[in-house]
C-alpha atoms as a PDB file:
ATOM      1  CA  MET A   1      68.176  39.195 142.325  1.00  0.00           C
ATOM      2  CA  PRO A   2      66.213  42.030 142.534  1.00  0.00           C
ATOM      3  CA  SER A   3      63.330  41.298 144.815  1.00  0.00           C
ATOM      4  CA  ARG A   4      59.564  42.398 143.367  1.00  0.00           C
ATOM      5  CA  LYS A   5      56.508  43.747 144.612  1.00  0.00           C
ATOM      6  CA  ALA A   6      53.672  41.822 144.357  1.00  0.00           C
ATOM      7  CA  ASN A   7      50.302  43.794 142.849  1.00  0.00           C
ATOM      8  CA  LEU A   8      46.776  43.329 143.903  1.00  0.00           C
ATOM      9  CA  VAL A   9      44.045  43.257 141.701  1.00  0.00           C
ATOM     10  CA  SER A  10      40.696  44.504 142.619  1.00  0.00           C
ATOM     11  CA  VAL A  11      37.589  42.717 141.158  1.00  0.00           C
ATOM     12  CA  ARG A  12      34.441  45.006 142.113  1.00  0.00           C
ATOM     13  CA  CYS A  13      30.826  42.680 140.792  1.00  0.00           C
ATOM     14  CA  GLU A  14      27.834  44.382 139.906  1.00  0.00           C
ATOM     15  CA  PRO A  15      25.394  44.362 143.258  1.00  0.00           C
ATOM     16  CA  SER A  16      23.013  41.488 143.093  1.00  0.00           C
ATOM     17  CA  SER A  17      19.384  42.578 141.830  1.00  0.00           C
ATOM     18  CA  GLN A  18      16.416  41.196 144.065  1.00  0.00           C
ATOM     19  CA  ASP A  19      14.765  40.092 140.891  1.00  0.00           C
ATOM     20  CA  SER A  20      17.872  37.028 140.355  1.00  0.00           C
ATOM     21  CA  ASN A  21      15.482  34.569 138.883  1.00  0.00           C
ATOM     22  CA  SER A  22      14.248  36.469 136.251  1.00  0.00           C
ATOM     23  CA  LEU A  23      13.632  35.483 132.279  1.00  0.00           C
ATOM     24  CA  ASP A  24      16.690  37.032 130.920  1.00  0.00           C
ATOM     25  CA  VAL A  25      19.132  34.754 133.510  1.00  0.00           C
ATOM     26  CA  TRP A  26      17.376  31.568 132.365  1.00  0.00           C
ATOM     27  CA  LEU A  27      17.776  32.331 128.581  1.00  0.00           C
ATOM     28  CA  GLY A  28      21.054  33.061 128.731  1.00  0.00           C
ATOM     29  CA  ARG A  29      21.551  30.255 131.294  1.00  0.00           C
ATOM     30  CA  LEU A  30      19.901  27.568 128.239  1.00  0.00           C
ATOM     31  CA  ALA A  31      21.827  29.599 125.558  1.00  0.00           C
ATOM     32  CA  MET A  32      25.228  28.637 127.197  1.00  0.00           C
ATOM     33  CA  VAL A  33      24.079  25.002 127.976  1.00  0.00           C
ATOM     34  CA  GLY A  34      23.042  24.683 124.239  1.00  0.00           C
ATOM     35  CA  PHE A  35      26.165  26.179 122.769  1.00  0.00           C
ATOM     36  CA  ALA A  36      28.408  23.542 124.764  1.00  0.00           C
ATOM     37  CA  MET A  37      25.923  20.891 123.406  1.00  0.00           C
ATOM     38  CA  ALA A  38      26.382  21.900 119.755  1.00  0.00           C
ATOM     39  CA  ILE A  39      29.995  22.129 120.422  1.00  0.00           C
ATOM     40  CA  SER A  40      29.658  18.614 122.443  1.00  0.00           C
ATOM     41  CA  VAL A  41      27.711  17.095 119.143  1.00  0.00           C
ATOM     42  CA  GLU A  42      30.799  18.545 116.713  1.00  0.00           C
ATOM     43  CA  ILE A  43      33.530  16.769 118.723  1.00  0.00           C
ATOM     44  CA  SER A  44      31.851  13.684 119.081  1.00  0.00           C
ATOM     45  CA  THR A  45      30.594  13.718 115.075  1.00  0.00           C
ATOM     46  CA  GLY A  46      33.443  14.976 113.810  1.00  0.00           C
ATOM     47  CA  LYS A  47      30.790  16.786 111.437  1.00  0.00           C
ATOM     48  CA  GLY A  48      29.804  20.502 111.874  1.00  0.00           C
ATOM     49  CA  LEU A  49      26.427  21.321 113.305  1.00  0.00           C
ATOM     50  CA  LEU A  50      25.023  22.106 109.507  1.00  0.00           C
ATOM     51  CA  GLU A  51      26.631  18.759 108.493  1.00  0.00           C
ATOM     52  CA  ASN A  52      24.575  16.915 111.343  1.00  0.00           C
ATOM     53  CA  PHE A  53      21.376  18.572 110.261  1.00  0.00           C
ATOM     54  CA  GLY A  54      21.896  17.421 105.724  1.00  0.00           C
ATOM     55  CA  LEU A  55      23.260  20.689 104.632  1.00  0.00           C
ATOM     56  CA  THR A  56      26.762  20.151 103.642  1.00  0.00           C
ATOM     57  CA  SER A  57      26.801  23.075 101.148  1.00  0.00           C
ATOM     58  CA  PRO A  58      24.748  25.871 103.007  1.00  0.00           C
ATOM     59  CA  LEU A  59      23.706  28.593 100.741  1.00  0.00           C
ATOM     60  CA  PRO A  60      25.499  32.133 101.862  1.00  0.00           C
ATOM     61  CA  THR A  61      22.511  33.194 103.195  1.00  0.00           C
ATOM     62  CA  VAL A  62      21.648  29.990 105.315  1.00  0.00           C
ATOM     63  CA  ALA A  63      25.573  30.431 106.670  1.00  0.00           C
ATOM     64  CA  LEU A  64      24.930  34.134 107.363  1.00  0.00           C
ATOM     65  CA  ALA A  65      21.951  33.293 109.174  1.00  0.00           C
ATOM     66  CA  VAL A  66      23.320  30.485 111.393  1.00  0.00           C
ATOM     67  CA  THR A  67      26.504  32.496 111.979  1.00  0.00           C
ATOM     68  CA  GLY A  68      24.606  35.733 112.833  1.00  0.00           C
END
């Protein structure tokens, strides 16, 4: 069996800024929590997000606005 040489992978991160508690960081965190909650509600109820609000067959413009 031929021997294999391991390849090293380096990961570079952006340098941390002094303003780590800025509004965009908190809005991003809130968006991630909201998305996780929406998925949790869909899994627990067995309905889509729009069906939970009473829109069983939304208009195409409403569907495009929600996905946008």
